[in-house]
Amino acid sequence: MSKDKEMPLIEHLRELKDRVKVVMISFVVALIFWLAFPADLTEIIRNPEFYEPMVTLVLKRIVQDLAGARIEIIGCSMTSPFEIFFLAAAFLALATIMPVIGYETYAYVDPALYPHERRLIYGFTLAFVALFAVGGVFGYFVAAPLIMRAMVFFFELAGVIPTVCAMDFYSLVFTTVLLIGVVFTSPVVLVLLVRFGIISTDLISRNRLYVYGILYILVAIITPDGWLVGNAVLFLPLVALIESSLFIAKRVERNRLKSMIVGYCKFCGNGLRENEIFCSKCGRAQE
């Protein structure tokens, strides 16, 4: 603990409950905003009983950007509009309160951190949020259109009109944006795993070709129409992410290993860690 005075377990649980409550209240407020706040304030004055809430702007924009004239979106059940409204509003509310979630998480763990741990958490938290945002944008403007293009290709291949249930369409879009956002945070996770010695960069480097092979197969499945440019648009940014994370992870690993060195081999000068009897470079005993 970075503080001299430790809190009892019951106090930790009480604080956790309070911070979760703040997050839940923020989520409900954001949900109500997207579901009830009018997209056009003048419209609610003219017709207060029937107006378009904020969430409808997002839903219409998604159809305009990703479906256009190629895909016909239909409601497959009487409850589809309600399900879609709540799905979209929940997704948007979650995105809206991400700063609240980040702050409450930081405020909860901050008293238990040492100064150097705080600096580490600051950097990784900012990197995680930034990469997730970039991944979400990439997922919406690049990955989702490619997936829709692949769907249309299969419809045409089967000789049928591209007609999709509205719930399936929006679920696919939101899931794609969320998953691509999570994938883009993988460099942060990788560097953290290396930083704490859970995995080594050598293991990843030795299996790099296998990783890229599996990654390309997954990309080809997403864009099965065989469009090489589409495959490259998805594949190359992921490769760049992996390579950049490896580069950073190797530097972090070198610094971590240097901090663990307590002496040097009397035969080859290689660094030795605590309780290391045989040199990892020349293999000779030190005693």
C-alpha atoms as a PDB file:
ATOM      1  CA  MET A   1       0.000   0.000   0.000  1.00  0.00           C
ATOM      2  CA  SER A   2       1.194   3.497  -0.779  1.00  0.00           C
ATOM      3  CA  LYS A   3      -0.649   4.886   2.230  1.00  0.00           C
ATOM      4  CA  ASP A   4       0.507   4.285   5.766  1.00  0.00           C
ATOM      5  CA  LYS A   5      -3.034   3.705   6.995  1.00  0.00           C
ATOM      6  CA  GLU A   6      -4.821   0.684   5.538  1.00  0.00           C
ATOM      7  CA  MET A   7      -8.595   0.574   5.237  1.00  0.00           C
ATOM      8  CA  PRO A   8     -10.505  -2.418   6.610  1.00  0.00           C
ATOM      9  CA  LEU A   9     -12.190  -4.758   4.120  1.00  0.00           C
ATOM     10  CA  ILE A  10     -15.676  -3.464   4.909  1.00  0.00           C
ATOM     11  CA  GLU A  11     -14.562   0.077   4.005  1.00  0.00           C
ATOM     12  CA  HIS A  12     -13.177  -1.138   0.666  1.00  0.00           C
ATOM     13  CA  LEU A  13     -16.458  -2.891  -0.118  1.00  0.00           C
ATOM     14  CA  ARG A  14     -18.460   0.174   0.879  1.00  0.00           C
ATOM     15  CA  GLU A  15     -16.352   2.410  -1.338  1.00  0.00           C
ATOM     16  CA  LEU A  16     -16.650  -0.080  -4.215  1.00  0.00           C
ATOM     17  CA  LYS A  17     -20.437  -0.095  -3.811  1.00  0.00           C
ATOM     18  CA  ASP A  18     -20.551   3.719  -3.892  1.00  0.00           C
ATOM     19  CA  ARG A  19     -18.432   3.925  -7.037  1.00  0.00           C
ATOM     20  CA  VAL A  20     -20.462   1.221  -8.823  1.00  0.00           C
ATOM     21  CA  LYS A  21     -23.588   3.163  -7.859  1.00  0.00           C
ATOM     22  CA  VAL A  22     -22.160   6.313  -9.484  1.00  0.00           C
ATOM     23  CA  VAL A  23     -21.442   4.354 -12.672  1.00  0.00           C
ATOM     24  CA  MET A  24     -24.933   2.824 -12.743  1.00  0.00           C
ATOM     25  CA  ILE A  25     -26.638   6.185 -12.156  1.00  0.00           C
ATOM     26  CA  SER A  26     -24.509   7.747 -14.906  1.00  0.00           C
ATOM     27  CA  PHE A  27     -25.486   4.920 -17.257  1.00  0.00           C
ATOM     28  CA  VAL A  28     -29.204   5.385 -16.549  1.00  0.00           C
ATOM     29  CA  VAL A  29     -28.953   9.159 -17.078  1.00  0.00           C
ATOM     30  CA  ALA A  30     -27.090   8.665 -20.373  1.00  0.00           C
ATOM     31  CA  LEU A  31     -29.605   6.004 -21.442  1.00  0.00           C
ATOM     32  CA  ILE A  32     -32.518   8.362 -20.772  1.00  0.00           C
ATOM     33  CA  PHE A  33     -30.717  11.130 -22.676  1.00  0.00           C
ATOM     34  CA  TRP A  34     -30.336   9.021 -25.827  1.00  0.00           C
ATOM     35  CA  LEU A  35     -33.857   7.594 -25.580  1.00  0.00           C
ATOM     36  CA  ALA A  36     -35.807  10.720 -24.595  1.00  0.00           C
ATOM     37  CA  PHE A  37     -33.865  13.893 -25.448  1.00  0.00           C
ATOM     38  CA  PRO A  38     -35.206  15.378 -28.708  1.00  0.00           C
ATOM     39  CA  ALA A  39     -32.926  15.461 -31.707  1.00  0.00           C
ATOM     40  CA  ASP A  40     -34.527  18.771 -32.703  1.00  0.00           C
ATOM     41  CA  LEU A  41     -35.627  21.068 -29.882  1.00  0.00           C
ATOM     42  CA  THR A  42     -37.977  23.000 -32.155  1.00  0.00           C
ATOM     43  CA  GLU A  43     -39.784  19.799 -33.078  1.00  0.00           C
ATOM     44  CA  ILE A  44     -40.788  19.063 -29.480  1.00  0.00           C
ATOM     45  CA  ILE A  45     -42.303  22.547 -29.255  1.00  0.00           C
ATOM     46  CA  ARG A  46     -44.344  22.016 -32.421  1.00  0.00           C
ATOM     47  CA  ASN A  47     -45.328  18.425 -31.630  1.00  0.00           C
ATOM     48  CA  PRO A  48     -44.539  17.463 -28.012  1.00  0.00           C
ATOM     49  CA  GLU A  49     -46.328  14.100 -28.258  1.00  0.00           C
ATOM     50  CA  PHE A  50     -44.352  12.728 -31.209  1.00  0.00           C
ATOM     51  CA  TYR A  51     -40.733  13.696 -31.765  1.00  0.00           C
ATOM     52  CA  GLU A  52     -37.490  11.976 -32.751  1.00  0.00           C
ATOM     53  CA  PRO A  53     -35.096  11.247 -29.851  1.00  0.00           C
ATOM     54  CA  MET A  54     -31.323  11.500 -30.196  1.00  0.00           C
ATOM     55  CA  VAL A  55     -30.899   7.772 -30.778  1.00  0.00           C
ATOM     56  CA  THR A  56     -32.857   7.952 -34.042  1.00  0.00           C
ATOM     57  CA  LEU A  57     -30.209  10.251 -35.541  1.00  0.00           C
ATOM     58  CA  VAL A  58     -27.561   7.598 -34.911  1.00  0.00           C
ATOM     59  CA  LEU A  59     -29.728   4.762 -36.252  1.00  0.00           C
ATOM     60  CA  LYS A  60     -30.557   6.652 -39.443  1.00  0.00           C
ATOM     61  CA  ARG A  61     -26.920   7.605 -39.960  1.00  0.00           C
ATOM     62  CA  ILE A  62     -25.851   3.962 -39.596  1.00  0.00           C
ATOM     63  CA  VAL A  63     -28.340   2.876 -42.268  1.00  0.00           C
ATOM     64  CA  GLN A  64     -27.246   5.729 -44.513  1.00  0.00           C
ATOM     65  CA  ASP A  65     -23.529   4.964 -44.111  1.00  0.00           C
ATOM     66  CA  LEU A  66     -23.564   1.165 -44.158  1.00  0.00           C
ATOM     67  CA  ALA A  67     -26.726  -0.032 -45.900  1.00  0.00           C
ATOM     68  CA  GLY A  68     -27.560   2.672 -48.414  1.00  0.00           C
ATOM     69  CA  ALA A  69     -29.420   1.340 -51.442  1.00  0.00           C
ATOM     70  CA  ARG A  70     -27.639  -2.028 -51.412  1.00  0.00           C
ATOM     71  CA  ILE A  71     -29.316  -3.608 -48.373  1.00  0.00           C
ATOM     72  CA  GLU A  72     -33.002  -3.489 -47.489  1.00  0.00           C
ATOM     73  CA  ILE A  73     -33.542  -3.263 -43.721  1.00  0.00           C
ATOM     74  CA  ILE A  74     -36.844  -4.683 -42.467  1.00  0.00           C
ATOM     75  CA  GLY A  75     -38.446  -5.232 -39.073  1.00  0.00           C
ATOM     76  CA  CYS A  76     -38.846  -8.953 -38.443  1.00  0.00           C
ATOM     77  CA  SER A  77     -41.043  -8.702 -35.352  1.00  0.00           C
ATOM     78  CA  MET A  78     -43.465  -6.304 -33.698  1.00  0.00           C
ATOM     79  CA  THR A  79     -40.980  -5.632 -30.908  1.00  0.00           C
ATOM     80  CA  SER A  80     -38.011  -4.915 -33.220  1.00  0.00           C
ATOM     81  CA  PRO A  81     -38.201  -1.097 -32.902  1.00  0.00           C
ATOM     82  CA  PHE A  82     -38.134  -1.251 -29.103  1.00  0.00           C
ATOM     83  CA  GLU A  83     -35.268  -3.770 -29.082  1.00  0.00           C
ATOM     84  CA  ILE A  84     -33.259  -1.691 -31.540  1.00  0.00           C
ATOM     85  CA  PHE A  85     -33.857   1.546 -29.651  1.00  0.00           C
ATOM     86  CA  PHE A  86     -32.712   0.044 -26.357  1.00  0.00           C
ATOM     87  CA  LEU A  87     -29.724  -1.755 -27.926  1.00  0.00           C
ATOM     88  CA  ALA A  88     -28.494   1.419 -29.611  1.00  0.00           C
ATOM     89  CA  ALA A  89     -29.198   3.611 -26.581  1.00  0.00           C
ATOM     90  CA  ALA A  90     -27.401   1.179 -24.255  1.00  0.00           C
ATOM     91  CA  PHE A  91     -24.365   1.057 -26.562  1.00  0.00           C
ATOM     92  CA  LEU A  92     -24.262   4.856 -26.866  1.00  0.00           C
ATOM     93  CA  ALA A  93     -24.821   5.324 -23.129  1.00  0.00           C
ATOM     94  CA  LEU A  94     -21.919   2.988 -22.368  1.00  0.00           C
ATOM     95  CA  ALA A  95     -19.677   4.923 -24.753  1.00  0.00           C
ATOM     96  CA  THR A  96     -20.830   8.206 -23.189  1.00  0.00           C
ATOM     97  CA  ILE A  97     -19.950   7.220 -19.617  1.00  0.00           C
ATOM     98  CA  MET A  98     -16.545   5.700 -20.417  1.00  0.00           C
ATOM     99  CA  PRO A  99     -14.791   8.718 -18.803  1.00  0.00           C
ATOM    100  CA  VAL A 100     -16.894   8.171 -15.662  1.00  0.00           C
ATOM    101  CA  ILE A 101     -15.960   4.475 -15.574  1.00  0.00           C
ATOM    102  CA  GLY A 102     -12.291   5.356 -16.048  1.00  0.00           C
ATOM    103  CA  TYR A 103     -12.309   7.980 -13.308  1.00  0.00           C
ATOM    104  CA  GLU A 104     -14.187   5.821 -10.775  1.00  0.00           C
ATOM    105  CA  THR A 105     -11.835   2.892 -11.431  1.00  0.00           C
ATOM    106  CA  TYR A 106      -8.782   5.120 -11.021  1.00  0.00           C
ATOM    107  CA  ALA A 107     -10.174   6.767  -7.867  1.00  0.00           C
ATOM    108  CA  TYR A 108     -10.809   3.357  -6.311  1.00  0.00           C
ATOM    109  CA  VAL A 109      -7.322   1.888  -6.903  1.00  0.00           C
ATOM    110  CA  ASP A 110      -5.317   5.126  -6.560  1.00  0.00           C
ATOM    111  CA  PRO A 111      -4.834   4.974  -2.734  1.00  0.00           C
ATOM    112  CA  ALA A 112      -3.258   1.517  -3.034  1.00  0.00           C
ATOM    113  CA  LEU A 113      -0.649   2.502  -5.640  1.00  0.00           C
ATOM    114  CA  TYR A 114       2.955   3.559  -5.196  1.00  0.00           C
ATOM    115  CA  PRO A 115       4.079   6.657  -7.136  1.00  0.00           C
ATOM    116  CA  HIS A 116       5.852   4.624  -9.856  1.00  0.00           C
ATOM    117  CA  GLU A 117       2.776   2.394 -10.201  1.00  0.00           C
ATOM    118  CA  ARG A 118       0.575   5.463 -10.638  1.00  0.00           C
ATOM    119  CA  ARG A 119       2.745   6.685 -13.509  1.00  0.00           C
ATOM    120  CA  LEU A 120       2.515   3.254 -15.120  1.00  0.00           C
ATOM    121  CA  ILE A 121      -1.270   3.097 -14.761  1.00  0.00           C
ATOM    122  CA  TYR A 122      -1.689   6.650 -16.127  1.00  0.00           C
ATOM    123  CA  GLY A 123       0.190   5.820 -19.308  1.00  0.00           C
ATOM    124  CA  PHE A 124      -1.480   2.480 -19.945  1.00  0.00           C
ATOM    125  CA  THR A 125      -4.962   3.829 -19.187  1.00  0.00           C
ATOM    126  CA  LEU A 126      -4.567   6.710 -21.627  1.00  0.00           C
ATOM    127  CA  ALA A 127      -3.151   4.361 -24.264  1.00  0.00           C
ATOM    128  CA  PHE A 128      -5.995   1.878 -23.727  1.00  0.00           C
ATOM    129  CA  VAL A 129      -8.710   4.533 -24.109  1.00  0.00           C
ATOM    130  CA  ALA A 130      -7.028   6.106 -27.151  1.00  0.00           C
ATOM    131  CA  LEU A 131      -6.541   2.777 -28.928  1.00  0.00           C
ATOM    132  CA  PHE A 132     -10.101   1.690 -28.148  1.00  0.00           C
ATOM    133  CA  ALA A 133     -11.430   4.941 -29.646  1.00  0.00           C
ATOM    134  CA  VAL A 134      -9.253   4.560 -32.749  1.00  0.00           C
ATOM    135  CA  GLY A 135     -10.364   0.939 -33.077  1.00  0.00           C
ATOM    136  CA  GLY A 136     -14.024   1.938 -32.796  1.00  0.00           C
ATOM    137  CA  VAL A 137     -13.620   4.533 -35.552  1.00  0.00           C
ATOM    138  CA  PHE A 138     -11.748   2.000 -37.707  1.00  0.00           C
ATOM    139  CA  GLY A 139     -14.441  -0.601 -37.048  1.00  0.00           C
ATOM    140  CA  TYR A 140     -17.250   1.733 -38.115  1.00  0.00           C
ATOM    141  CA  PHE A 141     -15.674   3.403 -41.138  1.00  0.00           C
ATOM    142  CA  VAL A 142     -13.534   0.523 -42.464  1.00  0.00           C
ATOM    143  CA  ALA A 143     -14.380  -2.920 -41.050  1.00  0.00           C
ATOM    144  CA  ALA A 144     -18.192  -2.595 -40.988  1.00  0.00           C
ATOM    145  CA  PRO A 145     -18.463  -1.400 -44.634  1.00  0.00           C
ATOM    146  CA  LEU A 146     -16.243  -4.296 -45.739  1.00  0.00           C
ATOM    147  CA  ILE A 147     -18.431  -6.773 -43.849  1.00  0.00           C
ATOM    148  CA  MET A 148     -21.555  -5.306 -45.468  1.00  0.00           C
ATOM    149  CA  ARG A 149     -19.895  -5.578 -48.871  1.00  0.00           C
ATOM    150  CA  ALA A 150     -19.171  -9.249 -48.180  1.00  0.00           C
ATOM    151  CA  MET A 151     -22.790  -9.826 -47.122  1.00  0.00           C
ATOM    152  CA  VAL A 152     -24.087  -8.298 -50.358  1.00  0.00           C
ATOM    153  CA  PHE A 153     -21.662 -10.498 -52.307  1.00  0.00           C
ATOM    154  CA  PHE A 154     -23.112 -13.652 -50.744  1.00  0.00           C
ATOM    155  CA  PHE A 155     -26.681 -12.479 -51.356  1.00  0.00           C
ATOM    156  CA  GLU A 156     -25.889 -11.894 -55.018  1.00  0.00           C
ATOM    157  CA  LEU A 157     -24.075 -15.223 -55.215  1.00  0.00           C
ATOM    158  CA  ALA A 158     -27.222 -16.960 -53.959  1.00  0.00           C
ATOM    159  CA  GLY A 159     -29.395 -14.971 -56.354  1.00  0.00           C
ATOM    160  CA  VAL A 160     -31.515 -13.331 -53.648  1.00  0.00           C
ATOM    161  CA  ILE A 161     -32.293  -9.733 -52.744  1.00  0.00           C
ATOM    162  CA  PRO A 162     -30.162  -8.414 -49.828  1.00  0.00           C
ATOM    163  CA  THR A 163     -32.861  -8.158 -47.146  1.00  0.00           C
ATOM    164  CA  VAL A 164     -31.769  -8.139 -43.496  1.00  0.00           C
ATOM    165  CA  CYS A 165     -33.679  -8.025 -40.215  1.00  0.00           C
ATOM    166  CA  ALA A 166     -33.130  -4.673 -38.531  1.00  0.00           C
ATOM    167  CA  MET A 167     -32.074  -6.219 -35.220  1.00  0.00           C
ATOM    168  CA  ASP A 168     -29.480  -8.421 -36.966  1.00  0.00           C
ATOM    169  CA  PHE A 169     -28.137  -5.452 -38.918  1.00  0.00           C
ATOM    170  CA  TYR A 170     -27.682  -3.145 -35.940  1.00  0.00           C
ATOM    171  CA  SER A 171     -26.352  -5.937 -33.710  1.00  0.00           C
ATOM    172  CA  LEU A 172     -23.700  -6.714 -36.324  1.00  0.00           C
ATOM    173  CA  VAL A 173     -22.665  -3.065 -36.567  1.00  0.00           C
ATOM    174  CA  PHE A 174     -22.416  -2.499 -32.811  1.00  0.00           C
ATOM    175  CA  THR A 175     -20.639  -5.834 -32.250  1.00  0.00           C
ATOM    176  CA  THR A 176     -18.126  -5.068 -35.019  1.00  0.00           C
ATOM    177  CA  VAL A 177     -17.306  -1.631 -33.607  1.00  0.00           C
ATOM    178  CA  LEU A 178     -16.943  -3.040 -30.091  1.00  0.00           C
ATOM    179  CA  LEU A 179     -14.783  -6.032 -31.097  1.00  0.00           C
ATOM    180  CA  ILE A 180     -12.476  -4.000 -33.348  1.00  0.00           C
ATOM    181  CA  GLY A 181     -12.084  -1.489 -30.534  1.00  0.00           C
ATOM    182  CA  VAL A 182     -11.082  -4.283 -28.153  1.00  0.00           C
ATOM    183  CA  VAL A 183      -8.670  -5.782 -30.724  1.00  0.00           C
ATOM    184  CA  PHE A 184      -6.943  -2.419 -31.108  1.00  0.00           C
ATOM    185  CA  THR A 185      -6.172  -2.404 -27.370  1.00  0.00           C
ATOM    186  CA  SER A 186      -4.138  -5.632 -27.699  1.00  0.00           C
ATOM    187  CA  PRO A 187      -0.772  -3.762 -27.759  1.00  0.00           C
ATOM    188  CA  VAL A 188      -1.502  -2.361 -24.297  1.00  0.00           C
ATOM    189  CA  VAL A 189      -2.401  -5.821 -22.990  1.00  0.00           C
ATOM    190  CA  LEU A 190       0.698  -7.358 -24.591  1.00  0.00           C
ATOM    191  CA  VAL A 191       3.040  -4.747 -23.120  1.00  0.00           C
ATOM    192  CA  LEU A 192       1.476  -5.209 -19.684  1.00  0.00           C
ATOM    193  CA  LEU A 193       1.920  -8.998 -19.858  1.00  0.00           C
ATOM    194  CA  VAL A 194       5.582  -8.532 -20.795  1.00  0.00           C
ATOM    195  CA  ARG A 195       6.042  -5.822 -18.162  1.00  0.00           C
ATOM    196  CA  PHE A 196       4.955  -8.207 -15.402  1.00  0.00           C
ATOM    197  CA  GLY A 197       6.920 -11.149 -16.831  1.00  0.00           C
ATOM    198  CA  ILE A 198       3.891 -13.294 -17.713  1.00  0.00           C
ATOM    199  CA  ILE A 199       5.050 -13.821 -21.312  1.00  0.00           C
ATOM    200  CA  SER A 200       8.256 -13.050 -23.209  1.00  0.00           C
ATOM    201  CA  THR A 201       8.700 -11.227 -26.492  1.00  0.00           C
ATOM    202  CA  ASP A 202      10.852 -14.099 -27.731  1.00  0.00           C
ATOM    203  CA  LEU A 203       7.830 -16.421 -27.602  1.00  0.00           C
ATOM    204  CA  ILE A 204       5.790 -14.045 -29.738  1.00  0.00           C
ATOM    205  CA  SER A 205       8.636 -13.371 -32.182  1.00  0.00           C
ATOM    206  CA  ARG A 206       9.257 -17.084 -32.758  1.00  0.00           C
ATOM    207  CA  ASN A 207       5.575 -17.693 -33.534  1.00  0.00           C
ATOM    208  CA  ARG A 208       5.003 -14.496 -35.481  1.00  0.00           C
ATOM    209  CA  LEU A 209       4.346 -16.198 -38.835  1.00  0.00           C
ATOM    210  CA  TYR A 210       1.722 -18.482 -37.314  1.00  0.00           C
ATOM    211  CA  VAL A 211       0.004 -15.489 -35.739  1.00  0.00           C
ATOM    212  CA  TYR A 212      -0.049 -13.613 -39.043  1.00  0.00           C
ATOM    213  CA  GLY A 213      -1.285 -16.687 -40.909  1.00  0.00           C
ATOM    214  CA  ILE A 214      -4.227 -17.154 -38.543  1.00  0.00           C
ATOM    215  CA  LEU A 215      -4.895 -13.414 -38.611  1.00  0.00           C
ATOM    216  CA  TYR A 216      -5.029 -13.342 -42.418  1.00  0.00           C
ATOM    217  CA  ILE A 217      -7.411 -16.313 -42.511  1.00  0.00           C
ATOM    218  CA  LEU A 218      -9.740 -14.491 -40.107  1.00  0.00           C
ATOM    219  CA  VAL A 219      -9.558 -11.349 -42.248  1.00  0.00           C
ATOM    220  CA  ALA A 220     -10.287 -13.388 -45.390  1.00  0.00           C
ATOM    221  CA  ILE A 221     -13.358 -14.870 -43.694  1.00  0.00           C
ATOM    222  CA  ILE A 222     -14.627 -11.370 -42.897  1.00  0.00           C
ATOM    223  CA  THR A 223     -14.092 -10.291 -46.537  1.00  0.00           C
ATOM    224  CA  PRO A 224     -14.824 -13.549 -48.405  1.00  0.00           C
ATOM    225  CA  ASP A 225     -15.422 -11.931 -51.797  1.00  0.00           C
ATOM    226  CA  GLY A 226     -11.696 -12.252 -52.479  1.00  0.00           C
ATOM    227  CA  TRP A 227     -11.090  -8.529 -52.726  1.00  0.00           C
ATOM    228  CA  LEU A 228      -7.363  -8.276 -52.010  1.00  0.00           C
ATOM    229  CA  VAL A 229      -7.511  -4.562 -51.302  1.00  0.00           C
ATOM    230  CA  GLY A 230     -10.212  -5.188 -48.693  1.00  0.00           C
ATOM    231  CA  ASN A 231      -8.108  -7.913 -47.095  1.00  0.00           C
ATOM    232  CA  ALA A 232      -5.087  -5.618 -47.009  1.00  0.00           C
ATOM    233  CA  VAL A 233      -7.071  -2.717 -45.509  1.00  0.00           C
ATOM    234  CA  LEU A 234      -8.011  -4.919 -42.547  1.00  0.00           C
ATOM    235  CA  PHE A 235      -4.844  -7.015 -42.317  1.00  0.00           C
ATOM    236  CA  LEU A 236      -2.069  -4.410 -42.545  1.00  0.00           C
ATOM    237  CA  PRO A 237      -3.254  -2.183 -39.652  1.00  0.00           C
ATOM    238  CA  LEU A 238      -3.440  -5.253 -37.405  1.00  0.00           C
ATOM    239  CA  VAL A 239       0.094  -6.261 -38.421  1.00  0.00           C
ATOM    240  CA  ALA A 240       1.282  -2.716 -37.708  1.00  0.00           C
ATOM    241  CA  LEU A 241      -0.342  -2.909 -34.270  1.00  0.00           C
ATOM    242  CA  ILE A 242       1.370  -6.207 -33.463  1.00  0.00           C
ATOM    243  CA  GLU A 243       4.770  -5.013 -34.697  1.00  0.00           C
ATOM    244  CA  SER A 244       4.568  -1.715 -32.821  1.00  0.00           C
ATOM    245  CA  SER A 245       3.485  -3.486 -29.637  1.00  0.00           C
ATOM    246  CA  LEU A 246       6.386  -5.952 -30.022  1.00  0.00           C
ATOM    247  CA  PHE A 247       8.832  -3.078 -30.445  1.00  0.00           C
ATOM    248  CA  ILE A 248       7.562  -1.360 -27.299  1.00  0.00           C
ATOM    249  CA  ALA A 249       7.340  -4.649 -25.382  1.00  0.00           C
ATOM    250  CA  LYS A 250      10.991  -5.478 -26.164  1.00  0.00           C
ATOM    251  CA  ARG A 251      12.128  -2.158 -24.718  1.00  0.00           C
ATOM    252  CA  VAL A 252       9.981  -2.707 -21.636  1.00  0.00           C
ATOM    253  CA  GLU A 253      11.355  -6.229 -21.286  1.00  0.00           C
ATOM    254  CA  ARG A 254      14.967  -5.035 -21.526  1.00  0.00           C
ATOM    255  CA  ASN A 255      14.384  -2.441 -18.832  1.00  0.00           C
ATOM    256  CA  ARG A 256      12.656  -5.000 -16.613  1.00  0.00           C
ATOM    257  CA  LEU A 257      15.507  -7.494 -16.985  1.00  0.00           C
ATOM    258  CA  LYS A 258      18.101  -4.790 -16.305  1.00  0.00           C
ATOM    259  CA  SER A 259      16.365  -3.893 -13.066  1.00  0.00           C
ATOM    260  CA  MET A 260      16.595  -7.540 -11.986  1.00  0.00           C
ATOM    261  CA  ILE A 261      20.376  -7.816 -12.534  1.00  0.00           C
ATOM    262  CA  VAL A 262      22.342  -8.165  -9.288  1.00  0.00           C
ATOM    263  CA  GLY A 263      25.724  -9.103 -10.735  1.00  0.00           C
ATOM    264  CA  TYR A 264      27.661 -10.157 -13.827  1.00  0.00           C
ATOM    265  CA  CYS A 265      29.144 -13.429 -15.064  1.00  0.00           C
ATOM    266  CA  LYS A 266      32.872 -13.585 -14.281  1.00  0.00           C
ATOM    267  CA  PHE A 267      33.493 -15.416 -17.554  1.00  0.00           C
ATOM    268  CA  CYS A 268      31.440 -13.604 -20.217  1.00  0.00           C
ATOM    269  CA  GLY A 269      30.117 -10.518 -18.417  1.00  0.00           C
ATOM    270  CA  ASN A 270      26.462 -11.404 -18.961  1.00  0.00           C
ATOM    271  CA  GLY A 271      24.006 -10.015 -16.400  1.00  0.00           C
ATOM    272  CA  LEU A 272      22.964 -12.362 -13.581  1.00  0.00           C
ATOM    273  CA  ARG A 273      19.721 -12.304 -11.646  1.00  0.00           C
ATOM    274  CA  GLU A 274      19.258 -13.133  -8.003  1.00  0.00           C
ATOM    275  CA  ASN A 275      19.866 -16.821  -7.136  1.00  0.00           C
ATOM    276  CA  GLU A 276      21.055 -17.525 -10.715  1.00  0.00           C
ATOM    277  CA  ILE A 277      23.884 -20.073 -10.396  1.00  0.00           C
ATOM    278  CA  PHE A 278      24.501 -20.771 -14.094  1.00  0.00           C
ATOM    279  CA  CYS A 279      24.983 -18.007 -16.662  1.00  0.00           C
ATOM    280  CA  SER A 280      22.149 -17.960 -19.204  1.00  0.00           C
ATOM    281  CA  LYS A 281      24.606 -16.981 -21.961  1.00  0.00           C
ATOM    282  CA  CYS A 282      27.698 -19.157 -21.491  1.00  0.00           C
ATOM    283  CA  GLY A 283      26.177 -21.750 -19.172  1.00  0.00           C
ATOM    284  CA  ARG A 284      29.106 -21.749 -16.732  1.00  0.00           C
ATOM    285  CA  ALA A 285      28.642 -22.019 -12.981  1.00  0.00           C
ATOM    286  CA  GLN A 286      29.353 -18.934 -10.888  1.00  0.00           C
ATOM    287  CA  GLU A 287      30.352 -20.766  -7.709  1.00  0.00           C
END
